[in-house]
């Protein structure tokens, strides 16, 4: 998420009332999670396990809960609670704006696009040409939808990321200031939910087709010409490369990659990255041929045991 205009390190420190290490005029251009962070961005870290990853990332401003040696060419913001202060910055630069109309005046809707009754189109949404948005679809603020897109009834684009920090008093939600981006020629079925990025984009690539009842988590990127069947659940920060097929009721953990042209059979559980150009099945998902061979071998065990008993009697 980029700021409307650059800020100085001192200005950012004043916004969250924290100390800083570095030149007070050090330029700050935005804020992002570590997997999408760029030079000029703020990234936050609040656990020693991830200090090195954050300090050595592309981020040039690290919001951290311990005073450490500052890497050359970077700056530090020292906070007793980086999670809280990251939320403060999100709320400052991307505050929630309530709506008083079903279709915001700031929304841009392209030529020949049909919006059926009872839809909600939020602030600064952009919808391309020749789209069909069926009834009761909710498209939250800042979503970008390309041309020739069909979205069926009751789908929600742009709900909050499922990202919480456990505290003694309960769970604290990380605010979401990112977007949902739907590229050209995408079809989305009924009652799908596609969460917005925390600071970046959740993307559905050109030509991909989603069935009904699918959940796509925050910051996940679906490639081009993918097919995803009903009741698939994909967690946040997943990369699904081009032309992947995922059949019904597959569950996928966060932060992994599914390689190009992979096929994942129904009811599989994906717990780690999968290579492309292979077919997978089972939980945890592995190559389908291997899994089927193992199952066939297991079925032979009773016969093998009976044969052993017979041989022992002899």
C-alpha atoms as a PDB file:
ATOM      1  CA  UNK A   1       0.000   0.000   0.000  1.00  0.00           C
ATOM      2  CA  UNK A   2       1.535   3.275  -1.144  1.00  0.00           C
ATOM      3  CA  UNK A   3       0.827   6.550   0.614  1.00  0.00           C
ATOM      4  CA  UNK A   4      -0.837   9.394  -1.324  1.00  0.00           C
ATOM      5  CA  UNK A   5       2.421  11.292  -0.971  1.00  0.00           C
ATOM      6  CA  UNK A   6       5.837  10.518   0.556  1.00  0.00           C
ATOM      7  CA  UNK A   7       6.311  11.068   4.283  1.00  0.00           C
ATOM      8  CA  UNK A   8       9.426  11.487   6.376  1.00  0.00           C
ATOM      9  CA  UNK A   9      10.563   9.067   9.045  1.00  0.00           C
ATOM     10  CA  UNK A  10       9.895  11.724  11.662  1.00  0.00           C
ATOM     11  CA  UNK A  11       6.328  12.258  10.434  1.00  0.00           C
ATOM     12  CA  UNK A  12       5.585   8.531  10.618  1.00  0.00           C
ATOM     13  CA  UNK A  13       7.123   8.295  14.098  1.00  0.00           C
ATOM     14  CA  UNK A  14       4.909  11.158  15.247  1.00  0.00           C
ATOM     15  CA  UNK A  15       1.792   9.439  13.877  1.00  0.00           C
ATOM     16  CA  UNK A  16       2.390   6.374  16.053  1.00  0.00           C
ATOM     17  CA  UNK A  17       4.244   8.165  18.891  1.00  0.00           C
ATOM     18  CA  UNK A  18       7.394   6.057  18.802  1.00  0.00           C
ATOM     19  CA  UNK A  19      11.159   6.498  18.679  1.00  0.00           C
ATOM     20  CA  UNK A  20      13.114   6.100  15.477  1.00  0.00           C
ATOM     21  CA  UNK A  21      16.659   5.359  14.347  1.00  0.00           C
ATOM     22  CA  UNK A  22      17.786   7.029  11.148  1.00  0.00           C
ATOM     23  CA  UNK A  23      17.723  10.406   9.462  1.00  0.00           C
ATOM     24  CA  UNK A  24      14.492  12.211  10.382  1.00  0.00           C
ATOM     25  CA  UNK A  25      14.063  13.177   6.712  1.00  0.00           C
ATOM     26  CA  UNK A  26      14.370   9.548   5.547  1.00  0.00           C
ATOM     27  CA  UNK A  27      11.682   9.063   2.861  1.00  0.00           C
ATOM     28  CA  UNK A  28       8.786   6.672   3.484  1.00  0.00           C
ATOM     29  CA  UNK A  29       6.577   5.798   0.513  1.00  0.00           C
ATOM     30  CA  UNK A  30       4.263   3.097   1.839  1.00  0.00           C
ATOM     31  CA  UNK A  31       3.744   0.050   4.046  1.00  0.00           C
ATOM     32  CA  UNK A  32       3.451  -3.619   3.207  1.00  0.00           C
ATOM     33  CA  UNK A  33       3.579  -7.161   4.507  1.00  0.00           C
ATOM     34  CA  UNK A  34       6.924  -8.856   4.124  1.00  0.00           C
ATOM     35  CA  UNK A  35       5.961 -10.990   1.110  1.00  0.00           C
ATOM     36  CA  UNK A  36       5.114  -7.912  -1.004  1.00  0.00           C
ATOM     37  CA  UNK A  37       7.353  -5.283   0.587  1.00  0.00           C
ATOM     38  CA  UNK A  38       9.398  -2.946  -1.622  1.00  0.00           C
ATOM     39  CA  UNK A  39      12.126  -0.356  -1.141  1.00  0.00           C
ATOM     40  CA  UNK A  40      10.691   2.668   0.659  1.00  0.00           C
ATOM     41  CA  UNK A  41       8.093   0.586   2.516  1.00  0.00           C
ATOM     42  CA  UNK A  42       7.499  -0.020   6.211  1.00  0.00           C
ATOM     43  CA  UNK A  43       7.307  -3.638   7.370  1.00  0.00           C
ATOM     44  CA  UNK A  44       6.460  -4.656  10.930  1.00  0.00           C
ATOM     45  CA  UNK A  45       7.971  -7.448  13.017  1.00  0.00           C
ATOM     46  CA  UNK A  46       7.183  -8.329  16.642  1.00  0.00           C
ATOM     47  CA  UNK A  47       8.845 -11.715  17.197  1.00  0.00           C
ATOM     48  CA  UNK A  48      12.591 -12.447  17.453  1.00  0.00           C
ATOM     49  CA  UNK A  49      12.142 -15.436  15.150  1.00  0.00           C
ATOM     50  CA  UNK A  50      11.452 -13.056  12.255  1.00  0.00           C
ATOM     51  CA  UNK A  51      13.816 -10.174  13.075  1.00  0.00           C
ATOM     52  CA  UNK A  52      16.465 -11.187  10.540  1.00  0.00           C
ATOM     53  CA  UNK A  53      13.916 -11.793   7.799  1.00  0.00           C
ATOM     54  CA  UNK A  54      12.426  -8.323   8.272  1.00  0.00           C
ATOM     55  CA  UNK A  55      15.762  -6.526   8.665  1.00  0.00           C
ATOM     56  CA  UNK A  56      17.135  -8.182   5.523  1.00  0.00           C
ATOM     57  CA  UNK A  57      13.973  -7.765   3.447  1.00  0.00           C
ATOM     58  CA  UNK A  58      13.449  -5.202   0.699  1.00  0.00           C
ATOM     59  CA  UNK A  59      11.801  -2.932   3.276  1.00  0.00           C
ATOM     60  CA  UNK A  60      13.834   0.140   4.161  1.00  0.00           C
ATOM     61  CA  UNK A  61      11.854   1.002   7.309  1.00  0.00           C
ATOM     62  CA  UNK A  62      11.362  -1.692   9.951  1.00  0.00           C
ATOM     63  CA  UNK A  63       8.739  -1.243  12.661  1.00  0.00           C
ATOM     64  CA  UNK A  64      10.170  -3.409  15.431  1.00  0.00           C
ATOM     65  CA  UNK A  65       9.697  -3.993  19.167  1.00  0.00           C
ATOM     66  CA  UNK A  66      13.384  -4.060  20.100  1.00  0.00           C
ATOM     67  CA  UNK A  67      16.261  -1.677  19.541  1.00  0.00           C
ATOM     68  CA  UNK A  68      18.681  -3.540  17.268  1.00  0.00           C
ATOM     69  CA  UNK A  69      21.535  -2.555  14.981  1.00  0.00           C
ATOM     70  CA  UNK A  70      20.104  -0.717  12.005  1.00  0.00           C
ATOM     71  CA  UNK A  71      21.184  -2.105   8.618  1.00  0.00           C
ATOM     72  CA  UNK A  72      22.975   0.336   6.352  1.00  0.00           C
ATOM     73  CA  UNK A  73      20.630   2.381   4.189  1.00  0.00           C
ATOM     74  CA  UNK A  74      17.606   1.596   6.348  1.00  0.00           C
ATOM     75  CA  UNK A  75      15.713   3.082   9.294  1.00  0.00           C
ATOM     76  CA  UNK A  76      13.980   1.697  12.367  1.00  0.00           C
ATOM     77  CA  UNK A  77      10.767   2.609  14.152  1.00  0.00           C
ATOM     78  CA  UNK A  78      10.976   1.346  17.743  1.00  0.00           C
ATOM     79  CA  UNK A  79       7.562   0.424  19.146  1.00  0.00           C
ATOM     80  CA  UNK A  80       6.388  -1.505  22.190  1.00  0.00           C
ATOM     81  CA  UNK A  81       3.629  -2.977  19.979  1.00  0.00           C
ATOM     82  CA  UNK A  82       4.351  -3.027  16.208  1.00  0.00           C
ATOM     83  CA  UNK A  83       1.086  -4.857  15.433  1.00  0.00           C
ATOM     84  CA  UNK A  84      -0.949  -2.092  17.087  1.00  0.00           C
ATOM     85  CA  UNK A  85       1.052   0.660  15.393  1.00  0.00           C
ATOM     86  CA  UNK A  86       0.847  -0.965  11.961  1.00  0.00           C
ATOM     87  CA  UNK A  87      -2.930  -0.858  12.441  1.00  0.00           C
ATOM     88  CA  UNK A  88      -2.693   2.811  13.393  1.00  0.00           C
ATOM     89  CA  UNK A  89      -0.918   3.555  10.132  1.00  0.00           C
ATOM     90  CA  UNK A  90      -3.435   1.561   8.100  1.00  0.00           C
ATOM     91  CA  UNK A  91      -6.289   3.393   9.800  1.00  0.00           C
ATOM     92  CA  UNK A  92      -4.600   6.735   9.124  1.00  0.00           C
ATOM     93  CA  UNK A  93      -3.812   6.214   5.460  1.00  0.00           C
ATOM     94  CA  UNK A  94      -6.744   3.969   4.537  1.00  0.00           C
ATOM     95  CA  UNK A  95      -9.586   4.702   6.979  1.00  0.00           C
ATOM     96  CA  UNK A  96     -12.941   2.973   6.627  1.00  0.00           C
ATOM     97  CA  UNK A  97     -15.521   5.097   4.830  1.00  0.00           C
ATOM     98  CA  UNK A  98     -19.155   4.268   5.453  1.00  0.00           C
ATOM     99  CA  UNK A  99     -21.525   4.181   2.499  1.00  0.00           C
ATOM    100  CA  UNK A 100     -24.938   5.828   2.090  1.00  0.00           C
ATOM    101  CA  UNK A 101     -25.748   4.454  -1.372  1.00  0.00           C
ATOM    102  CA  UNK A 102     -25.865   0.994  -2.897  1.00  0.00           C
ATOM    103  CA  UNK A 103     -23.532   2.124  -5.664  1.00  0.00           C
ATOM    104  CA  UNK A 104     -20.948   4.685  -4.622  1.00  0.00           C
ATOM    105  CA  UNK A 105     -20.674   7.864  -6.670  1.00  0.00           C
ATOM    106  CA  UNK A 106     -16.926   7.282  -6.859  1.00  0.00           C
ATOM    107  CA  UNK A 107     -17.357   3.867  -8.511  1.00  0.00           C
ATOM    108  CA  UNK A 108     -16.502   3.638 -12.213  1.00  0.00           C
ATOM    109  CA  UNK A 109     -18.603   1.194 -14.236  1.00  0.00           C
ATOM    110  CA  UNK A 110     -17.733   0.407 -17.843  1.00  0.00           C
ATOM    111  CA  UNK A 111     -19.833   0.324 -20.988  1.00  0.00           C
ATOM    112  CA  UNK A 112     -22.413  -2.467 -21.351  1.00  0.00           C
ATOM    113  CA  UNK A 113     -21.881  -3.710 -17.809  1.00  0.00           C
ATOM    114  CA  UNK A 114     -25.055  -4.910 -16.076  1.00  0.00           C
ATOM    115  CA  UNK A 115     -25.518  -4.510 -12.324  1.00  0.00           C
ATOM    116  CA  UNK A 116     -28.505  -6.556 -11.133  1.00  0.00           C
ATOM    117  CA  UNK A 117     -30.725  -5.392  -8.211  1.00  0.00           C
ATOM    118  CA  UNK A 118     -29.581  -5.372  -4.589  1.00  0.00           C
ATOM    119  CA  UNK A 119     -25.849  -5.197  -5.341  1.00  0.00           C
ATOM    120  CA  UNK A 120     -23.455  -3.106  -3.275  1.00  0.00           C
ATOM    121  CA  UNK A 121     -20.600  -1.334  -5.087  1.00  0.00           C
ATOM    122  CA  UNK A 122     -18.218   0.446  -2.708  1.00  0.00           C
ATOM    123  CA  UNK A 123     -16.052   3.542  -2.928  1.00  0.00           C
ATOM    124  CA  UNK A 124     -13.470   3.794  -5.723  1.00  0.00           C
ATOM    125  CA  UNK A 125     -14.432   0.439  -7.240  1.00  0.00           C
ATOM    126  CA  UNK A 126     -13.569   0.097 -10.927  1.00  0.00           C
ATOM    127  CA  UNK A 127     -15.581  -2.326 -13.092  1.00  0.00           C
ATOM    128  CA  UNK A 128     -14.709  -2.804 -16.756  1.00  0.00           C
ATOM    129  CA  UNK A 129     -16.854  -3.271 -19.850  1.00  0.00           C
ATOM    130  CA  UNK A 130     -19.320  -6.058 -20.701  1.00  0.00           C
ATOM    131  CA  UNK A 131     -19.503  -7.427 -17.159  1.00  0.00           C
ATOM    132  CA  UNK A 132     -22.481  -9.133 -15.536  1.00  0.00           C
ATOM    133  CA  UNK A 133     -22.850  -8.604 -11.793  1.00  0.00           C
ATOM    134  CA  UNK A 134     -25.759 -10.680 -10.516  1.00  0.00           C
ATOM    135  CA  UNK A 135     -28.051  -9.844  -7.595  1.00  0.00           C
ATOM    136  CA  UNK A 136     -26.846  -9.421  -4.025  1.00  0.00           C
ATOM    137  CA  UNK A 137     -23.156  -9.256  -4.933  1.00  0.00           C
ATOM    138  CA  UNK A 138     -21.117  -7.070  -2.563  1.00  0.00           C
ATOM    139  CA  UNK A 139     -17.981  -5.435  -3.922  1.00  0.00           C
ATOM    140  CA  UNK A 140     -16.092  -3.605  -1.198  1.00  0.00           C
ATOM    141  CA  UNK A 141     -14.046  -0.416  -1.593  1.00  0.00           C
ATOM    142  CA  UNK A 142     -11.120  -0.205  -4.038  1.00  0.00           C
ATOM    143  CA  UNK A 143     -11.794  -3.468  -5.882  1.00  0.00           C
ATOM    144  CA  UNK A 144     -10.727  -3.533  -9.527  1.00  0.00           C
ATOM    145  CA  UNK A 145     -12.625  -5.711 -12.004  1.00  0.00           C
ATOM    146  CA  UNK A 146     -11.618  -6.128 -15.641  1.00  0.00           C
ATOM    147  CA  UNK A 147     -13.655  -6.598 -18.806  1.00  0.00           C
ATOM    148  CA  UNK A 148     -16.017  -9.491 -19.592  1.00  0.00           C
ATOM    149  CA  UNK A 149     -16.275 -10.642 -15.978  1.00  0.00           C
ATOM    150  CA  UNK A 150     -19.283 -12.536 -14.618  1.00  0.00           C
ATOM    151  CA  UNK A 151     -19.976 -12.614 -10.872  1.00  0.00           C
ATOM    152  CA  UNK A 152     -22.920 -14.662  -9.639  1.00  0.00           C
ATOM    153  CA  UNK A 153     -25.320 -13.939  -6.802  1.00  0.00           C
ATOM    154  CA  UNK A 154     -24.260 -13.481  -3.171  1.00  0.00           C
ATOM    155  CA  UNK A 155     -20.527 -13.370  -3.842  1.00  0.00           C
ATOM    156  CA  UNK A 156     -18.459 -10.999  -1.667  1.00  0.00           C
ATOM    157  CA  UNK A 157     -15.282  -9.340  -2.894  1.00  0.00           C
ATOM    158  CA  UNK A 158     -13.083  -7.539  -0.378  1.00  0.00           C
ATOM    159  CA  UNK A 159     -13.921  -8.814   3.109  1.00  0.00           C
ATOM    160  CA  UNK A 160     -11.255  -8.490   5.801  1.00  0.00           C
ATOM    161  CA  UNK A 161      -8.188 -10.686   5.905  1.00  0.00           C
ATOM    162  CA  UNK A 162      -8.409 -13.510   8.438  1.00  0.00           C
ATOM    163  CA  UNK A 163      -5.347 -12.277  10.334  1.00  0.00           C
ATOM    164  CA  UNK A 164      -5.388 -11.996  14.131  1.00  0.00           C
ATOM    165  CA  UNK A 165      -2.963 -11.601  17.006  1.00  0.00           C
ATOM    166  CA  UNK A 166      -3.808 -13.491  20.182  1.00  0.00           C
ATOM    167  CA  UNK A 167      -3.791 -11.332  23.292  1.00  0.00           C
ATOM    168  CA  UNK A 168      -4.800 -12.053  26.889  1.00  0.00           C
ATOM    169  CA  UNK A 169      -8.102 -10.233  26.395  1.00  0.00           C
ATOM    170  CA  UNK A 170      -8.874 -11.934  23.069  1.00  0.00           C
ATOM    171  CA  UNK A 171      -7.943 -11.669  19.394  1.00  0.00           C
ATOM    172  CA  UNK A 172      -6.792  -8.414  17.830  1.00  0.00           C
ATOM    173  CA  UNK A 173      -7.503  -8.076  14.091  1.00  0.00           C
ATOM    174  CA  UNK A 174      -4.934  -6.767  11.641  1.00  0.00           C
ATOM    175  CA  UNK A 175      -6.714  -4.104   9.604  1.00  0.00           C
ATOM    176  CA  UNK A 176      -6.987  -4.667   5.863  1.00  0.00           C
ATOM    177  CA  UNK A 177      -6.135  -1.820   3.498  1.00  0.00           C
ATOM    178  CA  UNK A 178      -5.443  -3.828   0.325  1.00  0.00           C
ATOM    179  CA  UNK A 179      -7.564  -4.647  -2.700  1.00  0.00           C
ATOM    180  CA  UNK A 180      -9.194  -7.414  -4.684  1.00  0.00           C
ATOM    181  CA  UNK A 181      -8.224  -7.425  -8.371  1.00  0.00           C
ATOM    182  CA  UNK A 182     -10.219  -9.514 -10.859  1.00  0.00           C
ATOM    183  CA  UNK A 183      -8.634  -9.608 -14.309  1.00  0.00           C
ATOM    184  CA  UNK A 184     -10.374  -9.898 -17.706  1.00  0.00           C
ATOM    185  CA  UNK A 185     -12.608 -12.831 -18.707  1.00  0.00           C
ATOM    186  CA  UNK A 186     -12.980 -14.267 -15.200  1.00  0.00           C
ATOM    187  CA  UNK A 187     -16.152 -16.100 -14.109  1.00  0.00           C
ATOM    188  CA  UNK A 188     -16.962 -16.277 -10.400  1.00  0.00           C
ATOM    189  CA  UNK A 189     -19.757 -18.530  -9.154  1.00  0.00           C
ATOM    190  CA  UNK A 190     -22.438 -17.947  -6.541  1.00  0.00           C
ATOM    191  CA  UNK A 191     -21.647 -17.372  -2.862  1.00  0.00           C
ATOM    192  CA  UNK A 192     -17.869 -17.104  -3.267  1.00  0.00           C
ATOM    193  CA  UNK A 193     -15.784 -15.029  -0.865  1.00  0.00           C
ATOM    194  CA  UNK A 194     -12.537 -13.370  -1.932  1.00  0.00           C
ATOM    195  CA  UNK A 195     -10.775 -11.439   0.833  1.00  0.00           C
ATOM    196  CA  UNK A 196      -8.863  -8.229   0.224  1.00  0.00           C
ATOM    197  CA  UNK A 197      -5.124  -8.034   0.772  1.00  0.00           C
ATOM    198  CA  UNK A 198      -3.803  -6.709   4.062  1.00  0.00           C
ATOM    199  CA  UNK A 199      -1.711  -4.109   2.244  1.00  0.00           C
ATOM    200  CA  UNK A 200      -1.374  -5.642  -1.228  1.00  0.00           C
ATOM    201  CA  UNK A 201      -3.740  -7.277  -3.705  1.00  0.00           C
ATOM    202  CA  UNK A 202      -5.656 -10.533  -3.822  1.00  0.00           C
ATOM    203  CA  UNK A 203      -5.651 -11.364  -7.543  1.00  0.00           C
ATOM    204  CA  UNK A 204      -7.717 -13.651  -9.755  1.00  0.00           C
ATOM    205  CA  UNK A 205      -5.854 -13.983 -13.044  1.00  0.00           C
ATOM    206  CA  UNK A 206      -7.186 -13.530 -16.548  1.00  0.00           C
ATOM    207  CA  UNK A 207      -9.467 -16.257 -17.859  1.00  0.00           C
ATOM    208  CA  UNK A 208      -9.771 -18.165 -14.585  1.00  0.00           C
ATOM    209  CA  UNK A 209     -13.079 -19.794 -13.679  1.00  0.00           C
ATOM    210  CA  UNK A 210     -14.346 -20.248 -10.112  1.00  0.00           C
ATOM    211  CA  UNK A 211     -17.282 -22.485  -9.222  1.00  0.00           C
ATOM    212  CA  UNK A 212     -19.757 -21.774  -6.402  1.00  0.00           C
ATOM    213  CA  UNK A 213     -18.892 -21.656  -2.684  1.00  0.00           C
ATOM    214  CA  UNK A 214     -15.166 -20.953  -2.919  1.00  0.00           C
ATOM    215  CA  UNK A 215     -13.060 -19.094  -0.340  1.00  0.00           C
ATOM    216  CA  UNK A 216      -9.905 -17.249  -1.417  1.00  0.00           C
ATOM    217  CA  UNK A 217      -7.793 -15.813   1.411  1.00  0.00           C
ATOM    218  CA  UNK A 218      -5.997 -12.481   1.634  1.00  0.00           C
ATOM    219  CA  UNK A 219      -3.080 -11.687  -0.692  1.00  0.00           C
ATOM    220  CA  UNK A 220      -3.497 -14.941  -2.600  1.00  0.00           C
ATOM    221  CA  UNK A 221      -2.679 -14.793  -6.296  1.00  0.00           C
ATOM    222  CA  UNK A 222      -4.553 -17.089  -8.669  1.00  0.00           C
ATOM    223  CA  UNK A 223      -2.870 -17.329 -12.081  1.00  0.00           C
ATOM    224  CA  UNK A 224      -4.316 -17.229 -15.568  1.00  0.00           C
ATOM    225  CA  UNK A 225      -6.776 -19.840 -16.900  1.00  0.00           C
ATOM    226  CA  UNK A 226      -7.147 -21.741 -13.637  1.00  0.00           C
ATOM    227  CA  UNK A 227     -10.191 -23.928 -12.895  1.00  0.00           C
ATOM    228  CA  UNK A 228     -11.356 -24.163  -9.281  1.00  0.00           C
ATOM    229  CA  UNK A 229     -14.329 -26.347  -8.386  1.00  0.00           C
ATOM    230  CA  UNK A 230     -16.914 -25.951  -5.641  1.00  0.00           C
ATOM    231  CA  UNK A 231     -16.112 -25.741  -1.911  1.00  0.00           C
ATOM    232  CA  UNK A 232     -12.378 -25.194  -2.322  1.00  0.00           C
ATOM    233  CA  UNK A 233     -10.763 -23.213   0.495  1.00  0.00           C
ATOM    234  CA  UNK A 234      -7.461 -21.451  -0.191  1.00  0.00           C
ATOM    235  CA  UNK A 235      -5.737 -19.676   2.690  1.00  0.00           C
ATOM    236  CA  UNK A 236      -3.898 -16.368   2.550  1.00  0.00           C
ATOM    237  CA  UNK A 237      -0.653 -15.609   0.706  1.00  0.00           C
ATOM    238  CA  UNK A 238      -0.901 -18.618  -1.621  1.00  0.00           C
ATOM    239  CA  UNK A 239       0.392 -18.497  -5.201  1.00  0.00           C
ATOM    240  CA  UNK A 240      -1.533 -20.633  -7.675  1.00  0.00           C
ATOM    241  CA  UNK A 241       0.340 -20.509 -10.967  1.00  0.00           C
ATOM    242  CA  UNK A 242      -1.240 -20.516 -14.443  1.00  0.00           C
ATOM    243  CA  UNK A 243      -3.552 -23.274 -15.717  1.00  0.00           C
ATOM    244  CA  UNK A 244      -3.890 -25.093 -12.403  1.00  0.00           C
ATOM    245  CA  UNK A 245      -6.994 -27.244 -11.863  1.00  0.00           C
ATOM    246  CA  UNK A 246      -8.303 -27.718  -8.313  1.00  0.00           C
ATOM    247  CA  UNK A 247     -11.295 -30.010  -7.860  1.00  0.00           C
ATOM    248  CA  UNK A 248     -13.994 -29.844  -5.187  1.00  0.00           C
ATOM    249  CA  UNK A 249     -13.458 -29.567  -1.440  1.00  0.00           C
ATOM    250  CA  UNK A 250      -9.693 -29.144  -1.592  1.00  0.00           C
ATOM    251  CA  UNK A 251      -8.188 -27.319   1.389  1.00  0.00           C
ATOM    252  CA  UNK A 252      -4.939 -25.385   1.087  1.00  0.00           C
ATOM    253  CA  UNK A 253      -2.692 -24.003   3.828  1.00  0.00           C
ATOM    254  CA  UNK A 254      -1.191 -20.500   3.694  1.00  0.00           C
ATOM    255  CA  UNK A 255       2.018 -19.276   2.126  1.00  0.00           C
ATOM    256  CA  UNK A 256       2.630 -22.072  -0.385  1.00  0.00           C
ATOM    257  CA  UNK A 257       2.871 -22.290  -4.184  1.00  0.00           C
ATOM    258  CA  UNK A 258       1.000 -24.624  -6.525  1.00  0.00           C
ATOM    259  CA  UNK A 259       2.993 -24.966  -9.734  1.00  0.00           C
ATOM    260  CA  UNK A 260       1.823 -24.337 -13.279  1.00  0.00           C
ATOM    261  CA  UNK A 261      -0.596 -26.892 -14.775  1.00  0.00           C
ATOM    262  CA  UNK A 262      -0.827 -28.926 -11.573  1.00  0.00           C
ATOM    263  CA  UNK A 263      -4.059 -30.875 -11.047  1.00  0.00           C
ATOM    264  CA  UNK A 264      -5.347 -31.476  -7.504  1.00  0.00           C
ATOM    265  CA  UNK A 265      -8.086 -34.077  -7.111  1.00  0.00           C
ATOM    266  CA  UNK A 266     -11.151 -33.618  -4.908  1.00  0.00           C
ATOM    267  CA  UNK A 267     -10.954 -33.580  -1.107  1.00  0.00           C
ATOM    268  CA  UNK A 268      -7.167 -33.303  -1.053  1.00  0.00           C
ATOM    269  CA  UNK A 269      -5.363 -31.395   1.676  1.00  0.00           C
ATOM    270  CA  UNK A 270      -2.432 -29.250   0.521  1.00  0.00           C
ATOM    271  CA  UNK A 271       0.078 -28.687   3.329  1.00  0.00           C
ATOM    272  CA  UNK A 272       3.180 -27.728   1.314  1.00  0.00           C
ATOM    273  CA  UNK A 273       4.143 -26.371  -2.104  1.00  0.00           C
ATOM    274  CA  UNK A 274       3.403 -28.596  -5.106  1.00  0.00           C
ATOM    275  CA  UNK A 275       5.417 -28.854  -8.319  1.00  0.00           C
ATOM    276  CA  UNK A 276       3.714 -28.050 -11.598  1.00  0.00           C
ATOM    277  CA  UNK A 277       2.715 -30.467 -14.368  1.00  0.00           C
ATOM    278  CA  UNK A 278       1.789 -33.220 -11.900  1.00  0.00           C
ATOM    279  CA  UNK A 279      -1.470 -34.664 -10.556  1.00  0.00           C
ATOM    280  CA  UNK A 280      -2.057 -34.823  -6.801  1.00  0.00           C
ATOM    281  CA  UNK A 281      -4.458 -36.505  -4.405  1.00  0.00           C
ATOM    282  CA  UNK A 282      -4.858 -37.238  -0.713  1.00  0.00           C
ATOM    283  CA  UNK A 283      -4.039 -35.594   2.603  1.00  0.00           C
ATOM    284  CA  UNK A 284      -1.339 -34.480   2.687  1.00  0.00           C
ATOM    285  CA  UNK A 285      -1.500 -34.186  -1.089  1.00  0.00           C
ATOM    286  CA  UNK A 286       1.060 -36.213  -3.027  1.00  0.00           C
ATOM    287  CA  UNK A 287       1.321 -37.495  -6.558  1.00  0.00           C
ATOM    288  CA  UNK A 288      -1.893 -39.377  -7.310  1.00  0.00           C
ATOM    289  CA  UNK A 289      -0.166 -42.351  -8.944  1.00  0.00           C
ATOM    290  CA  UNK A 290       2.017 -42.901  -5.867  1.00  0.00           C
ATOM    291  CA  UNK A 291      -0.964 -42.624  -3.528  1.00  0.00           C
ATOM    292  CA  UNK A 292      -3.036 -45.079  -5.568  1.00  0.00           C
ATOM    293  CA  UNK A 293      -0.180 -47.600  -5.692  1.00  0.00           C
ATOM    294  CA  UNK A 294       0.199 -47.364  -1.912  1.00  0.00           C
ATOM    295  CA  UNK A 295      -3.532 -47.901  -1.400  1.00  0.00           C
ATOM    296  CA  UNK A 296      -3.492 -50.911  -3.728  1.00  0.00           C
ATOM    297  CA  UNK A 297      -0.583 -52.350  -1.739  1.00  0.00           C
ATOM    298  CA  UNK A 298      -2.418 -51.822   1.552  1.00  0.00           C
ATOM    299  CA  UNK A 299      -5.429 -53.743   0.231  1.00  0.00           C
ATOM    300  CA  UNK A 300      -3.162 -56.728  -0.354  1.00  0.00           C
ATOM    301  CA  UNK A 301      -2.091 -56.926   3.307  1.00  0.00           C
ATOM    302  CA  UNK A 302      -4.956 -59.261   4.447  1.00  0.00           C
ATOM    303  CA  UNK A 303      -4.094 -61.721   1.647  1.00  0.00           C
ATOM    304  CA  UNK A 304      -0.404 -61.570   2.536  1.00  0.00           C
ATOM    305  CA  UNK A 305      -1.187 -62.222   6.235  1.00  0.00           C
ATOM    306  CA  UNK A 306      -3.407 -65.170   5.330  1.00  0.00           C
ATOM    307  CA  UNK A 307      -0.664 -66.604   3.163  1.00  0.00           C
ATOM    308  CA  UNK A 308       1.847 -66.259   6.008  1.00  0.00           C
ATOM    309  CA  UNK A 309      -0.536 -68.105   8.368  1.00  0.00           C
ATOM    310  CA  UNK A 310      -0.928 -70.920   5.866  1.00  0.00           C
ATOM    311  CA  UNK A 311       2.820 -71.205   5.404  1.00  0.00           C
ATOM    312  CA  UNK A 312       3.395 -71.297   9.186  1.00  0.00           C
ATOM    313  CA  UNK A 313       0.903 -74.187   9.566  1.00  0.00           C
ATOM    314  CA  UNK A 314       2.867 -76.154   6.987  1.00  0.00           C
END
